[in-house]
């Protein structure tokens, strides 16, 4: 849904507004140059605001969904996949979804 100017003003005053279906708690934090920790529920378009876009895919909306699609199954904790110069390592998952990822730019950073 499109954001309204009143939401922008409210967010500037009280902080980020969580919409329906959005995760509570952290979405992403930088751990160092070229390294991040991210929620599997982070939307691809939100990721693209901070980093280069990962491309559009009508089948997936989230980082966790992208990793599941690339692996063709829900990967186990510790499994990694590389896509568009980024290595995604599963840090937390259950039988249905990836909950948390470590992301590292290939080449060790910057």
N, C-alpha and C. Protein backbone atom coordinates (compact mmCIF):
# COMPACT_ATOMS: atom_id res chain seq x y z
N UNK A 1 0.83 -1.20 0.00
CA UNK A 1 0.00 0.00 0.00
C UNK A 1 0.86 1.25 0.00
N UNK A 2 0.37 2.29 -0.63
CA UNK A 2 1.10 3.55 -0.69
C UNK A 2 1.09 4.23 0.67
N UNK A 3 2.20 4.85 1.00
CA UNK A 3 2.28 5.58 2.27
C UNK A 3 1.64 6.93 2.10
N UNK A 4 1.03 7.39 3.16
CA UNK A 4 0.41 8.70 3.16
C UNK A 4 1.33 9.67 3.90
N UNK A 5 1.32 10.94 3.52
CA UNK A 5 2.18 11.92 4.20
C UNK A 5 1.99 11.93 5.71
N UNK A 6 0.76 11.70 6.20
CA UNK A 6 0.54 11.69 7.64
C UNK A 6 1.31 10.56 8.31
N UNK A 7 1.46 9.41 7.62
CA UNK A 7 2.26 8.31 8.16
C UNK A 7 3.72 8.72 8.25
N UNK A 8 4.22 9.44 7.23
CA UNK A 8 5.60 9.90 7.25
C UNK A 8 5.85 10.81 8.43
N UNK A 9 4.93 11.73 8.69
CA UNK A 9 5.07 12.67 9.81
C UNK A 9 5.03 11.91 11.13
N UNK A 10 4.06 11.02 11.28
CA UNK A 10 3.94 10.25 12.51
C UNK A 10 5.19 9.40 12.75
N UNK A 11 5.70 8.77 11.70
CA UNK A 11 6.90 7.96 11.83
C UNK A 11 8.10 8.80 12.24
N UNK A 12 8.19 10.03 11.74
CA UNK A 12 9.29 10.92 12.11
C UNK A 12 9.22 11.28 13.59
N UNK A 13 8.01 11.36 14.14
CA UNK A 13 7.84 11.74 15.54
C UNK A 13 7.99 10.55 16.48
N UNK A 14 7.33 9.43 16.17
CA UNK A 14 7.30 8.31 17.11
C UNK A 14 8.17 7.12 16.70
N UNK A 15 8.74 7.14 15.51
CA UNK A 15 9.56 6.03 15.06
C UNK A 15 8.81 5.18 14.04
N UNK A 16 9.46 4.10 13.60
CA UNK A 16 8.87 3.26 12.57
C UNK A 16 7.50 2.72 12.96
N UNK A 17 6.63 2.69 11.97
CA UNK A 17 5.28 2.16 12.16
C UNK A 17 5.27 0.75 11.58
N UNK A 18 4.80 -0.19 12.38
CA UNK A 18 4.74 -1.57 11.93
C UNK A 18 3.34 -1.84 11.40
N UNK A 19 3.26 -2.25 10.15
CA UNK A 19 1.98 -2.57 9.54
C UNK A 19 1.58 -4.01 9.80
N UNK A 20 0.38 -4.35 9.37
CA UNK A 20 -0.09 -5.72 9.52
C UNK A 20 0.85 -6.67 8.80
N UNK A 21 1.20 -7.76 9.47
CA UNK A 21 2.05 -8.77 8.86
C UNK A 21 3.53 -8.45 8.93
N UNK A 22 3.90 -7.27 9.40
CA UNK A 22 5.31 -6.94 9.52
C UNK A 22 5.84 -7.49 10.83
N UNK A 23 7.10 -7.93 10.85
CA UNK A 23 7.66 -8.54 12.05
C UNK A 23 7.91 -7.51 13.15
N UNK A 24 7.81 -7.97 14.39
CA UNK A 24 8.21 -7.14 15.51
C UNK A 24 9.71 -7.29 15.67
N UNK A 25 10.33 -6.36 16.38
CA UNK A 25 11.75 -6.47 16.65
C UNK A 25 12.58 -6.02 15.46
N UNK A 26 13.80 -6.51 15.44
CA UNK A 26 14.73 -6.05 14.42
C UNK A 26 14.34 -6.53 13.03
N UNK A 27 14.74 -5.78 12.05
CA UNK A 27 14.59 -6.20 10.66
C UNK A 27 15.97 -6.44 10.07
N UNK A 28 16.91 -5.50 10.32
CA UNK A 28 18.27 -5.67 9.84
C UNK A 28 19.21 -4.82 10.65
N UNK A 29 20.42 -5.33 10.89
CA UNK A 29 21.45 -4.52 11.52
C UNK A 29 22.78 -4.80 10.84
N UNK A 30 23.60 -3.77 10.74
CA UNK A 30 24.92 -3.93 10.15
C UNK A 30 25.87 -4.43 11.22
N UNK A 31 26.64 -5.47 10.89
CA UNK A 31 27.59 -6.06 11.82
C UNK A 31 29.00 -5.57 11.56
N UNK A 32 29.23 -5.04 10.38
CA UNK A 32 30.55 -4.56 9.98
C UNK A 32 30.50 -4.24 8.50
N UNK A 33 31.64 -3.85 7.93
CA UNK A 33 31.66 -3.55 6.50
C UNK A 33 31.24 -4.77 5.67
N UNK A 34 30.17 -4.61 4.92
CA UNK A 34 29.71 -5.69 4.04
C UNK A 34 29.09 -6.87 4.76
N UNK A 35 28.69 -6.70 6.04
CA UNK A 35 28.10 -7.80 6.82
C UNK A 35 26.87 -7.31 7.57
N UNK A 36 25.78 -8.10 7.49
CA UNK A 36 24.53 -7.75 8.15
C UNK A 36 23.88 -8.97 8.76
N UNK A 37 22.99 -8.73 9.71
CA UNK A 37 22.08 -9.73 10.25
C UNK A 37 20.69 -9.23 9.86
N UNK A 38 19.85 -10.11 9.33
CA UNK A 38 18.53 -9.68 8.86
C UNK A 38 17.47 -10.71 9.20
N UNK A 39 16.27 -10.22 9.41
CA UNK A 39 15.11 -11.08 9.59
C UNK A 39 14.76 -11.71 8.25
N UNK A 40 14.37 -12.97 8.28
CA UNK A 40 13.89 -13.62 7.07
C UNK A 40 12.63 -12.97 6.54
N UNK A 41 11.93 -12.24 7.42
CA UNK A 41 10.69 -11.56 7.02
C UNK A 41 10.93 -10.19 6.39
N UNK A 42 12.20 -9.77 6.29
CA UNK A 42 12.48 -8.47 5.67
C UNK A 42 12.06 -8.50 4.21
N UNK A 43 11.29 -7.50 3.82
CA UNK A 43 10.80 -7.42 2.44
C UNK A 43 11.95 -7.08 1.49
N UNK A 44 11.92 -7.67 0.30
CA UNK A 44 12.96 -7.41 -0.69
C UNK A 44 13.02 -5.94 -1.08
N UNK A 45 11.87 -5.27 -1.16
CA UNK A 45 11.90 -3.86 -1.54
C UNK A 45 12.50 -3.00 -0.42
N UNK A 46 12.34 -3.41 0.85
CA UNK A 46 12.99 -2.69 1.94
C UNK A 46 14.50 -2.90 1.89
N UNK A 47 14.92 -4.12 1.59
CA UNK A 47 16.35 -4.41 1.44
C UNK A 47 16.95 -3.55 0.33
N UNK A 48 16.22 -3.39 -0.76
CA UNK A 48 16.70 -2.62 -1.91
C UNK A 48 16.89 -1.14 -1.57
N UNK A 49 16.20 -0.64 -0.55
CA UNK A 49 16.39 0.76 -0.15
C UNK A 49 17.77 0.97 0.47
N UNK A 50 18.28 -0.05 1.14
CA UNK A 50 19.57 0.04 1.82
C UNK A 50 20.72 -0.49 0.97
N UNK A 51 20.42 -1.38 0.06
CA UNK A 51 21.44 -2.06 -0.74
C UNK A 51 20.98 -2.11 -2.18
N UNK A 52 21.82 -2.65 -3.02
CA UNK A 52 21.39 -2.78 -4.42
C UNK A 52 20.23 -3.76 -4.50
N UNK A 53 19.31 -3.51 -5.41
CA UNK A 53 18.15 -4.40 -5.55
C UNK A 53 18.59 -5.82 -5.91
N UNK A 54 17.85 -6.78 -5.42
CA UNK A 54 18.11 -8.19 -5.73
C UNK A 54 17.33 -8.65 -6.95
N UNK A 55 16.62 -7.73 -7.58
CA UNK A 55 15.80 -8.08 -8.73
C UNK A 55 14.37 -8.30 -8.28
N UNK A 56 13.46 -8.24 -9.21
CA UNK A 56 12.06 -8.45 -8.84
C UNK A 56 11.67 -9.88 -9.16
N UNK A 57 10.89 -10.43 -8.28
CA UNK A 57 10.43 -11.80 -8.44
C UNK A 57 9.00 -11.84 -7.92
N UNK A 58 8.07 -12.14 -8.78
CA UNK A 58 6.66 -12.15 -8.37
C UNK A 58 6.36 -13.26 -7.37
N UNK A 59 7.24 -14.27 -7.28
CA UNK A 59 6.98 -15.40 -6.40
C UNK A 59 7.38 -15.15 -4.95
N UNK A 60 8.32 -14.24 -4.69
CA UNK A 60 8.80 -14.02 -3.33
C UNK A 60 8.80 -12.55 -2.97
N UNK A 61 8.53 -12.28 -1.70
CA UNK A 61 8.49 -10.90 -1.20
C UNK A 61 9.56 -10.64 -0.15
N UNK A 62 10.12 -11.70 0.46
CA UNK A 62 11.01 -11.53 1.60
C UNK A 62 12.37 -12.16 1.35
N UNK A 63 13.35 -11.77 2.18
CA UNK A 63 14.68 -12.37 2.09
C UNK A 63 14.61 -13.87 2.36
N UNK A 64 13.84 -14.27 3.38
CA UNK A 64 13.70 -15.69 3.67
C UNK A 64 13.08 -16.45 2.52
N UNK A 65 12.07 -15.87 1.89
CA UNK A 65 11.44 -16.49 0.74
C UNK A 65 12.40 -16.64 -0.43
N UNK A 66 13.26 -15.64 -0.62
CA UNK A 66 14.27 -15.72 -1.68
C UNK A 66 15.22 -16.88 -1.43
N UNK A 67 15.69 -17.01 -0.19
CA UNK A 67 16.62 -18.08 0.15
C UNK A 67 15.96 -19.45 -0.03
N UNK A 68 14.72 -19.59 0.39
CA UNK A 68 14.00 -20.85 0.20
C UNK A 68 13.87 -21.16 -1.30
N UNK A 69 13.55 -20.16 -2.09
CA UNK A 69 13.42 -20.38 -3.54
C UNK A 69 14.75 -20.80 -4.15
N UNK A 70 15.84 -20.14 -3.76
CA UNK A 70 17.15 -20.47 -4.31
C UNK A 70 17.59 -21.88 -3.91
N UNK A 71 17.28 -22.28 -2.67
CA UNK A 71 17.67 -23.61 -2.18
C UNK A 71 16.68 -24.70 -2.60
N UNK A 72 15.49 -24.30 -3.02
CA UNK A 72 14.41 -25.19 -3.42
C UNK A 72 13.80 -25.99 -2.27
N UNK A 73 14.25 -25.72 -1.04
CA UNK A 73 13.68 -26.27 0.19
C UNK A 73 13.96 -25.26 1.29
N UNK A 74 13.31 -25.42 2.45
CA UNK A 74 13.67 -24.58 3.59
C UNK A 74 15.02 -25.10 4.08
N UNK A 75 16.07 -24.29 3.98
CA UNK A 75 17.40 -24.76 4.37
C UNK A 75 17.54 -24.89 5.88
N UNK A 76 18.50 -25.69 6.29
CA UNK A 76 18.78 -25.87 7.71
C UNK A 76 19.71 -24.76 8.19
N UNK A 77 19.74 -24.57 9.50
CA UNK A 77 20.64 -23.58 10.10
C UNK A 77 22.07 -23.92 9.68
N UNK A 78 22.79 -22.90 9.25
CA UNK A 78 24.18 -23.07 8.82
C UNK A 78 24.34 -23.18 7.32
N UNK A 79 23.29 -23.50 6.60
CA UNK A 79 23.38 -23.59 5.14
C UNK A 79 23.49 -22.20 4.54
N UNK A 80 24.22 -22.11 3.42
CA UNK A 80 24.43 -20.83 2.74
C UNK A 80 24.10 -20.95 1.27
N UNK A 81 23.76 -19.80 0.69
CA UNK A 81 23.54 -19.70 -0.75
C UNK A 81 24.04 -18.33 -1.18
N UNK A 82 24.65 -18.26 -2.35
CA UNK A 82 25.16 -16.99 -2.86
C UNK A 82 24.28 -16.54 -4.02
N UNK A 83 23.95 -15.24 -4.01
CA UNK A 83 23.08 -14.68 -5.03
C UNK A 83 23.47 -13.23 -5.25
N UNK A 84 23.77 -12.88 -6.49
CA UNK A 84 24.09 -11.50 -6.87
C UNK A 84 25.15 -10.86 -5.98
N UNK A 85 26.20 -11.61 -5.70
CA UNK A 85 27.33 -11.07 -4.94
C UNK A 85 27.15 -11.03 -3.44
N UNK A 86 26.08 -11.63 -2.93
CA UNK A 86 25.85 -11.69 -1.49
C UNK A 86 25.70 -13.14 -1.05
N UNK A 87 26.34 -13.48 0.07
CA UNK A 87 26.18 -14.82 0.64
C UNK A 87 25.18 -14.74 1.79
N UNK A 88 24.12 -15.54 1.70
CA UNK A 88 23.07 -15.60 2.72
C UNK A 88 23.27 -16.89 3.50
N UNK A 89 23.49 -16.79 4.82
CA UNK A 89 23.65 -17.95 5.68
C UNK A 89 22.50 -17.99 6.67
N UNK A 90 21.84 -19.13 6.75
CA UNK A 90 20.68 -19.28 7.64
C UNK A 90 21.17 -19.37 9.08
N UNK A 91 20.66 -18.48 9.93
CA UNK A 91 21.00 -18.47 11.36
C UNK A 91 19.87 -19.03 12.21
N UNK A 92 18.64 -18.92 11.74
CA UNK A 92 17.49 -19.48 12.46
C UNK A 92 16.42 -19.83 11.44
N UNK A 93 15.80 -21.00 11.63
CA UNK A 93 14.74 -21.45 10.71
C UNK A 93 13.88 -22.46 11.44
N UNK A 94 12.68 -22.64 10.95
CA UNK A 94 11.84 -23.74 11.41
C UNK A 94 11.46 -24.55 10.18
N UNK A 95 10.56 -25.48 10.33
CA UNK A 95 10.23 -26.36 9.20
C UNK A 95 9.54 -25.64 8.05
N UNK A 96 9.03 -24.43 8.29
CA UNK A 96 8.28 -23.73 7.25
C UNK A 96 8.96 -22.48 6.71
N UNK A 97 9.88 -21.88 7.46
CA UNK A 97 10.45 -20.61 6.98
C UNK A 97 11.81 -20.31 7.58
N UNK A 98 12.53 -19.44 6.87
CA UNK A 98 13.80 -18.92 7.36
C UNK A 98 13.47 -17.72 8.25
N UNK A 99 13.96 -17.73 9.47
CA UNK A 99 13.64 -16.67 10.43
C UNK A 99 14.73 -15.60 10.52
N UNK A 100 15.99 -16.00 10.38
CA UNK A 100 17.08 -15.03 10.49
C UNK A 100 18.22 -15.43 9.57
N UNK A 101 18.88 -14.41 9.00
CA UNK A 101 19.97 -14.63 8.05
C UNK A 101 21.18 -13.79 8.43
N UNK A 102 22.36 -14.32 8.12
CA UNK A 102 23.57 -13.51 8.10
C UNK A 102 23.84 -13.26 6.62
N UNK A 103 24.15 -12.02 6.28
CA UNK A 103 24.39 -11.65 4.88
C UNK A 103 25.79 -11.07 4.80
N UNK A 104 26.57 -11.54 3.85
CA UNK A 104 27.92 -11.02 3.67
C UNK A 104 28.17 -10.78 2.19
N UNK A 105 28.71 -9.60 1.90
CA UNK A 105 29.09 -9.29 0.53
C UNK A 105 30.26 -10.19 0.16
N UNK A 106 30.19 -10.83 -0.99
CA UNK A 106 31.27 -11.70 -1.45
C UNK A 106 32.55 -10.88 -1.60
N UNK A 107 33.68 -11.50 -1.27
CA UNK A 107 34.94 -10.78 -1.32
C UNK A 107 35.31 -10.23 0.04
N UNK A 108 34.52 -10.54 1.08
CA UNK A 108 34.88 -10.20 2.44
C UNK A 108 34.45 -8.84 2.93
N UNK A 109 33.75 -8.07 2.16
CA UNK A 109 33.28 -6.79 2.69
C UNK A 109 33.31 -5.70 1.67
N UNK A 110 33.42 -4.52 2.16
CA UNK A 110 33.34 -3.26 1.41
C UNK A 110 33.22 -3.49 -0.01
